[in-house]
């Protein structure tokens, strides 16, 4: 109300302007109360609700995924090694057939 009185005094408002200002102010207060009530209801819902996460489940998931990553890395290493071995064998085999001895 102090703000309303300030405006009336500052701008020398007539009675119709005062009424409009009072109506706008009361609408604003009504809207603020509605928002405050809605916020209180939302806060209640948030506080009553159970959490949707589990640290134990996160740990179990982490272990599963880290094992998968290790297995993939090991498979990739084995694949690379076997590929090198097969390349070496094929090179050796190709040299066996093309060797000539000079005496």
N, C-alpha and C. Protein backbone atom coordinates (compact mmCIF):
# COMPACT_ATOMS: atom_id res chain seq x y z
N UNK A 1 0.81 -1.20 0.00
CA UNK A 1 0.00 0.00 0.00
C UNK A 1 0.86 1.27 0.00
N UNK A 2 2.03 1.20 0.58
CA UNK A 2 2.90 2.37 0.61
C UNK A 2 3.28 2.79 -0.80
N UNK A 3 3.54 1.78 -1.66
CA UNK A 3 3.90 2.06 -3.03
C UNK A 3 2.75 2.76 -3.76
N UNK A 4 1.56 2.28 -3.52
CA UNK A 4 0.36 2.88 -4.13
C UNK A 4 0.20 4.33 -3.68
N UNK A 5 0.35 4.58 -2.41
CA UNK A 5 0.24 5.95 -1.88
C UNK A 5 1.34 6.83 -2.48
N UNK A 6 2.53 6.30 -2.63
CA UNK A 6 3.63 7.03 -3.23
C UNK A 6 3.27 7.47 -4.65
N UNK A 7 2.72 6.56 -5.44
CA UNK A 7 2.35 6.90 -6.82
C UNK A 7 1.27 7.97 -6.87
N UNK A 8 0.30 7.83 -6.01
CA UNK A 8 -0.79 8.82 -5.98
C UNK A 8 -0.24 10.21 -5.66
N UNK A 9 0.62 10.28 -4.67
CA UNK A 9 1.19 11.57 -4.27
C UNK A 9 2.15 12.12 -5.33
N UNK A 10 2.96 11.26 -5.90
CA UNK A 10 3.99 11.69 -6.86
C UNK A 10 3.37 12.24 -8.13
N UNK A 11 2.36 11.54 -8.65
CA UNK A 11 1.81 11.93 -9.95
C UNK A 11 0.48 12.68 -9.85
N UNK A 12 0.02 12.99 -8.65
CA UNK A 12 -1.21 13.75 -8.42
C UNK A 12 -2.36 13.15 -9.23
N UNK A 13 -2.64 11.90 -8.97
CA UNK A 13 -3.65 11.18 -9.74
C UNK A 13 -5.05 11.58 -9.31
N UNK A 14 -5.96 11.58 -10.31
CA UNK A 14 -7.36 11.87 -9.99
C UNK A 14 -8.04 10.59 -9.50
N UNK A 15 -9.31 10.67 -9.14
CA UNK A 15 -9.99 9.53 -8.52
C UNK A 15 -10.14 8.34 -9.47
N UNK A 16 -10.40 8.57 -10.78
CA UNK A 16 -10.53 7.43 -11.71
C UNK A 16 -9.17 6.75 -11.90
N UNK A 17 -8.12 7.53 -11.96
CA UNK A 17 -6.79 6.96 -12.08
C UNK A 17 -6.41 6.19 -10.82
N UNK A 18 -6.83 6.71 -9.67
CA UNK A 18 -6.56 6.02 -8.41
C UNK A 18 -7.25 4.66 -8.40
N UNK A 19 -8.49 4.63 -8.86
CA UNK A 19 -9.25 3.38 -8.88
C UNK A 19 -8.58 2.34 -9.80
N UNK A 20 -8.14 2.82 -10.97
CA UNK A 20 -7.45 1.91 -11.89
C UNK A 20 -6.18 1.36 -11.27
N UNK A 21 -5.45 2.24 -10.59
CA UNK A 21 -4.20 1.84 -9.96
C UNK A 21 -4.46 0.84 -8.84
N UNK A 22 -5.51 1.10 -8.07
CA UNK A 22 -5.87 0.18 -6.99
C UNK A 22 -6.25 -1.18 -7.56
N UNK A 23 -7.01 -1.19 -8.66
CA UNK A 23 -7.44 -2.45 -9.28
C UNK A 23 -6.23 -3.22 -9.81
N UNK A 24 -5.31 -2.52 -10.48
CA UNK A 24 -4.11 -3.18 -10.99
C UNK A 24 -3.29 -3.76 -9.85
N UNK A 25 -3.18 -3.00 -8.78
CA UNK A 25 -2.41 -3.46 -7.63
C UNK A 25 -3.07 -4.69 -6.99
N UNK A 26 -4.38 -4.67 -6.85
CA UNK A 26 -5.06 -5.82 -6.24
C UNK A 26 -4.96 -7.05 -7.15
N UNK A 27 -5.01 -6.85 -8.48
CA UNK A 27 -4.84 -7.98 -9.41
C UNK A 27 -3.42 -8.56 -9.28
N UNK A 28 -2.46 -7.68 -9.17
CA UNK A 28 -1.07 -8.12 -9.03
C UNK A 28 -0.89 -8.92 -7.74
N UNK A 29 -1.47 -8.42 -6.65
CA UNK A 29 -1.37 -9.14 -5.37
C UNK A 29 -2.05 -10.49 -5.46
N UNK A 30 -3.22 -10.52 -6.10
CA UNK A 30 -3.96 -11.78 -6.27
C UNK A 30 -3.12 -12.78 -7.08
N UNK A 31 -2.50 -12.31 -8.14
CA UNK A 31 -1.67 -13.17 -8.98
C UNK A 31 -0.45 -13.68 -8.20
N UNK A 32 0.17 -12.83 -7.42
CA UNK A 32 1.32 -13.24 -6.60
C UNK A 32 0.92 -14.29 -5.58
N UNK A 33 -0.24 -14.14 -4.98
CA UNK A 33 -0.73 -15.14 -4.02
C UNK A 33 -0.98 -16.48 -4.71
N UNK A 34 -1.55 -16.43 -5.93
CA UNK A 34 -1.82 -17.66 -6.69
C UNK A 34 -0.50 -18.37 -7.01
N UNK A 35 0.49 -17.60 -7.43
CA UNK A 35 1.80 -18.18 -7.75
C UNK A 35 2.45 -18.76 -6.49
N UNK A 36 2.34 -18.05 -5.39
CA UNK A 36 2.92 -18.53 -4.14
C UNK A 36 2.26 -19.84 -3.71
N UNK A 37 0.95 -19.91 -3.84
CA UNK A 37 0.21 -21.14 -3.48
C UNK A 37 0.66 -22.30 -4.38
N UNK A 38 0.80 -22.04 -5.67
CA UNK A 38 1.25 -23.06 -6.62
C UNK A 38 2.67 -23.53 -6.29
N UNK A 39 3.55 -22.60 -5.94
CA UNK A 39 4.92 -22.95 -5.57
C UNK A 39 4.96 -23.82 -4.31
N UNK A 40 4.11 -23.51 -3.35
CA UNK A 40 4.05 -24.31 -2.12
C UNK A 40 3.58 -25.72 -2.43
N UNK A 41 2.61 -25.86 -3.33
CA UNK A 41 2.13 -27.19 -3.73
C UNK A 41 3.24 -27.98 -4.44
N UNK A 42 3.95 -27.34 -5.33
CA UNK A 42 5.06 -28.01 -6.02
C UNK A 42 6.15 -28.43 -5.06
N UNK A 43 6.47 -27.57 -4.10
CA UNK A 43 7.48 -27.90 -3.11
C UNK A 43 7.05 -29.13 -2.31
N UNK A 44 5.77 -29.18 -1.94
CA UNK A 44 5.27 -30.34 -1.21
C UNK A 44 5.41 -31.62 -2.01
N UNK A 45 5.08 -31.57 -3.29
CA UNK A 45 5.22 -32.75 -4.15
C UNK A 45 6.67 -33.19 -4.25
N UNK A 46 7.57 -32.22 -4.39
CA UNK A 46 9.00 -32.55 -4.49
C UNK A 46 9.53 -33.17 -3.20
N UNK A 47 9.08 -32.66 -2.07
CA UNK A 47 9.58 -33.17 -0.80
C UNK A 47 9.00 -34.53 -0.46
N UNK A 48 7.78 -34.82 -0.91
CA UNK A 48 7.14 -36.10 -0.62
C UNK A 48 7.64 -37.22 -1.53
N UNK A 49 8.08 -36.87 -2.73
CA UNK A 49 8.47 -37.88 -3.70
C UNK A 49 9.74 -38.62 -3.30
N UNK A 50 9.82 -39.88 -3.74
CA UNK A 50 11.02 -40.67 -3.48
C UNK A 50 12.05 -40.39 -4.57
N UNK A 51 13.31 -40.58 -4.21
CA UNK A 51 14.36 -40.38 -5.20
C UNK A 51 14.31 -41.52 -6.21
N UNK A 52 14.77 -41.22 -7.41
CA UNK A 52 14.65 -42.19 -8.50
C UNK A 52 16.01 -42.75 -8.89
N UNK A 53 16.98 -42.67 -8.03
CA UNK A 53 18.31 -43.19 -8.36
C UNK A 53 18.83 -44.04 -7.22
N UNK A 54 19.75 -44.90 -7.56
CA UNK A 54 20.34 -45.80 -6.57
C UNK A 54 21.84 -45.86 -6.82
N UNK A 55 22.60 -45.53 -5.82
CA UNK A 55 24.06 -45.56 -5.95
C UNK A 55 24.54 -46.99 -6.18
N UNK A 56 23.88 -47.95 -5.53
CA UNK A 56 24.27 -49.35 -5.72
C UNK A 56 24.08 -49.77 -7.18
N UNK A 57 22.97 -49.35 -7.78
CA UNK A 57 22.72 -49.69 -9.18
C UNK A 57 23.76 -49.02 -10.08
N UNK A 58 24.12 -47.77 -9.76
CA UNK A 58 25.15 -47.08 -10.53
C UNK A 58 26.47 -47.84 -10.47
N UNK A 59 26.84 -48.30 -9.26
CA UNK A 59 28.09 -49.05 -9.11
C UNK A 59 28.06 -50.35 -9.92
N UNK A 60 26.93 -51.07 -9.85
CA UNK A 60 26.82 -52.32 -10.59
C UNK A 60 26.90 -52.06 -12.09
N UNK A 61 26.23 -51.03 -12.57
CA UNK A 61 26.29 -50.68 -13.99
C UNK A 61 27.71 -50.31 -14.41
N UNK A 62 28.40 -49.59 -13.55
CA UNK A 62 29.78 -49.19 -13.85
C UNK A 62 30.67 -50.42 -14.02
N UNK A 63 30.51 -51.37 -13.11
CA UNK A 63 31.33 -52.59 -13.18
C UNK A 63 31.05 -53.36 -14.47
N UNK A 64 29.78 -53.47 -14.83
CA UNK A 64 29.42 -54.19 -16.06
C UNK A 64 30.02 -53.50 -17.27
N UNK A 65 29.87 -52.19 -17.34
CA UNK A 65 30.37 -51.44 -18.50
C UNK A 65 31.90 -51.44 -18.57
N UNK A 66 32.55 -51.34 -17.41
CA UNK A 66 34.01 -51.34 -17.44
C UNK A 66 34.53 -52.71 -17.88
N UNK A 67 33.85 -53.79 -17.48
CA UNK A 67 34.25 -55.12 -17.95
C UNK A 67 34.07 -55.24 -19.46
N UNK A 68 33.00 -54.68 -19.97
CA UNK A 68 32.77 -54.70 -21.42
C UNK A 68 33.89 -53.96 -22.16
N UNK A 69 34.26 -52.82 -21.63
CA UNK A 69 35.33 -52.03 -22.25
C UNK A 69 36.63 -52.81 -22.24
N UNK A 70 36.94 -53.47 -21.12
CA UNK A 70 38.16 -54.28 -21.05
C UNK A 70 38.12 -55.41 -22.07
N UNK A 71 36.96 -56.07 -22.17
CA UNK A 71 36.83 -57.18 -23.13
C UNK A 71 36.99 -56.69 -24.57
N UNK A 72 36.41 -55.56 -24.87
CA UNK A 72 36.53 -55.00 -26.22
C UNK A 72 37.99 -54.66 -26.51
N UNK A 73 38.65 -54.03 -25.54
CA UNK A 73 40.06 -53.67 -25.73
C UNK A 73 40.91 -54.92 -25.91
N UNK A 74 40.62 -55.97 -25.12
CA UNK A 74 41.38 -57.21 -25.23
C UNK A 74 41.14 -57.87 -26.60
N UNK A 75 39.89 -57.85 -27.04
CA UNK A 75 39.57 -58.44 -28.34
C UNK A 75 40.29 -57.70 -29.46
N UNK A 76 40.29 -56.36 -29.36
CA UNK A 76 40.97 -55.56 -30.39
C UNK A 76 42.48 -55.87 -30.39
N UNK A 77 43.09 -56.04 -29.20
CA UNK A 77 44.51 -56.38 -29.13
C UNK A 77 44.76 -57.75 -29.73
N UNK A 78 43.92 -58.73 -29.37
CA UNK A 78 44.08 -60.08 -29.91
C UNK A 78 43.91 -60.08 -31.43
N UNK A 79 42.96 -59.32 -31.88
CA UNK A 79 42.71 -59.24 -33.32
C UNK A 79 43.93 -58.67 -34.03
N UNK A 80 44.52 -57.63 -33.45
CA UNK A 80 45.70 -57.02 -34.05
C UNK A 80 46.88 -57.99 -34.05
N UNK A 81 47.07 -58.70 -32.94
CA UNK A 81 48.18 -59.65 -32.83
C UNK A 81 48.00 -60.79 -33.81
N UNK A 82 46.81 -61.37 -33.87
CA UNK A 82 46.58 -62.48 -34.79
C UNK A 82 46.72 -62.03 -36.23
N UNK A 83 46.34 -60.82 -36.50
CA UNK A 83 46.50 -60.28 -37.85
C UNK A 83 47.98 -60.18 -38.21
N UNK A 84 48.80 -59.70 -37.26
CA UNK A 84 50.24 -59.60 -37.51
C UNK A 84 50.85 -60.98 -37.70
N UNK A 85 50.43 -61.93 -36.87
CA UNK A 85 50.97 -63.30 -36.97
C UNK A 85 50.62 -63.90 -38.32
N UNK A 86 49.38 -63.73 -38.74
CA UNK A 86 48.99 -64.30 -40.03
C UNK A 86 49.72 -63.62 -41.18
N UNK A 87 50.01 -62.33 -41.05
CA UNK A 87 50.77 -61.62 -42.07
C UNK A 87 52.20 -62.16 -42.12
N UNK A 88 52.79 -62.36 -40.97
CA UNK A 88 54.16 -62.89 -40.91
C UNK A 88 54.21 -64.30 -41.51
N UNK A 89 53.23 -65.14 -41.17
CA UNK A 89 53.19 -66.50 -41.71
C UNK A 89 53.04 -66.48 -43.22
N UNK A 90 52.19 -65.61 -43.72
CA UNK A 90 51.99 -65.57 -45.17
C UNK A 90 53.24 -65.08 -45.88
N UNK A 91 53.95 -64.14 -45.27
CA UNK A 91 55.20 -63.65 -45.86
C UNK A 91 56.23 -64.78 -45.87
N UNK A 92 56.35 -65.52 -44.75
CA UNK A 92 57.31 -66.63 -44.68
C UNK A 92 56.97 -67.70 -45.72
N UNK A 93 55.70 -68.00 -45.85
CA UNK A 93 55.28 -69.01 -46.82
C UNK A 93 55.58 -68.58 -48.25
N UNK A 94 55.38 -67.32 -48.51
CA UNK A 94 55.65 -66.84 -49.87
C UNK A 94 57.15 -66.86 -50.18
N UNK A 95 57.98 -66.64 -49.16
CA UNK A 95 59.43 -66.69 -49.35
C UNK A 95 59.93 -68.13 -49.53
N UNK A 96 59.29 -69.09 -48.91
CA UNK A 96 59.71 -70.49 -49.04
C UNK A 96 59.62 -70.94 -50.50
N UNK A 97 58.59 -70.53 -51.17
CA UNK A 97 58.37 -70.98 -52.53
C UNK A 97 59.20 -70.22 -53.55
N UNK A 98 59.69 -69.08 -53.19
CA UNK A 98 60.43 -68.28 -54.16
C UNK A 98 61.93 -68.24 -53.90
N UNK A 99 62.41 -69.02 -52.94
CA UNK A 99 63.83 -69.00 -52.61
C UNK A 99 64.64 -69.74 -53.67
N UNK A 100 65.73 -69.15 -53.97
CA UNK A 100 66.68 -69.84 -54.86
C UNK A 100 68.03 -69.80 -54.19
N UNK A 101 68.73 -70.86 -54.31
CA UNK A 101 70.06 -70.93 -53.69
C UNK A 101 71.11 -70.73 -54.76
N UNK A 102 71.96 -69.83 -54.51
CA UNK A 102 73.10 -69.59 -55.40
C UNK A 102 74.34 -70.17 -54.74
N UNK A 103 75.01 -71.08 -55.45
CA UNK A 103 76.23 -71.65 -54.91
C UNK A 103 77.38 -71.34 -55.74
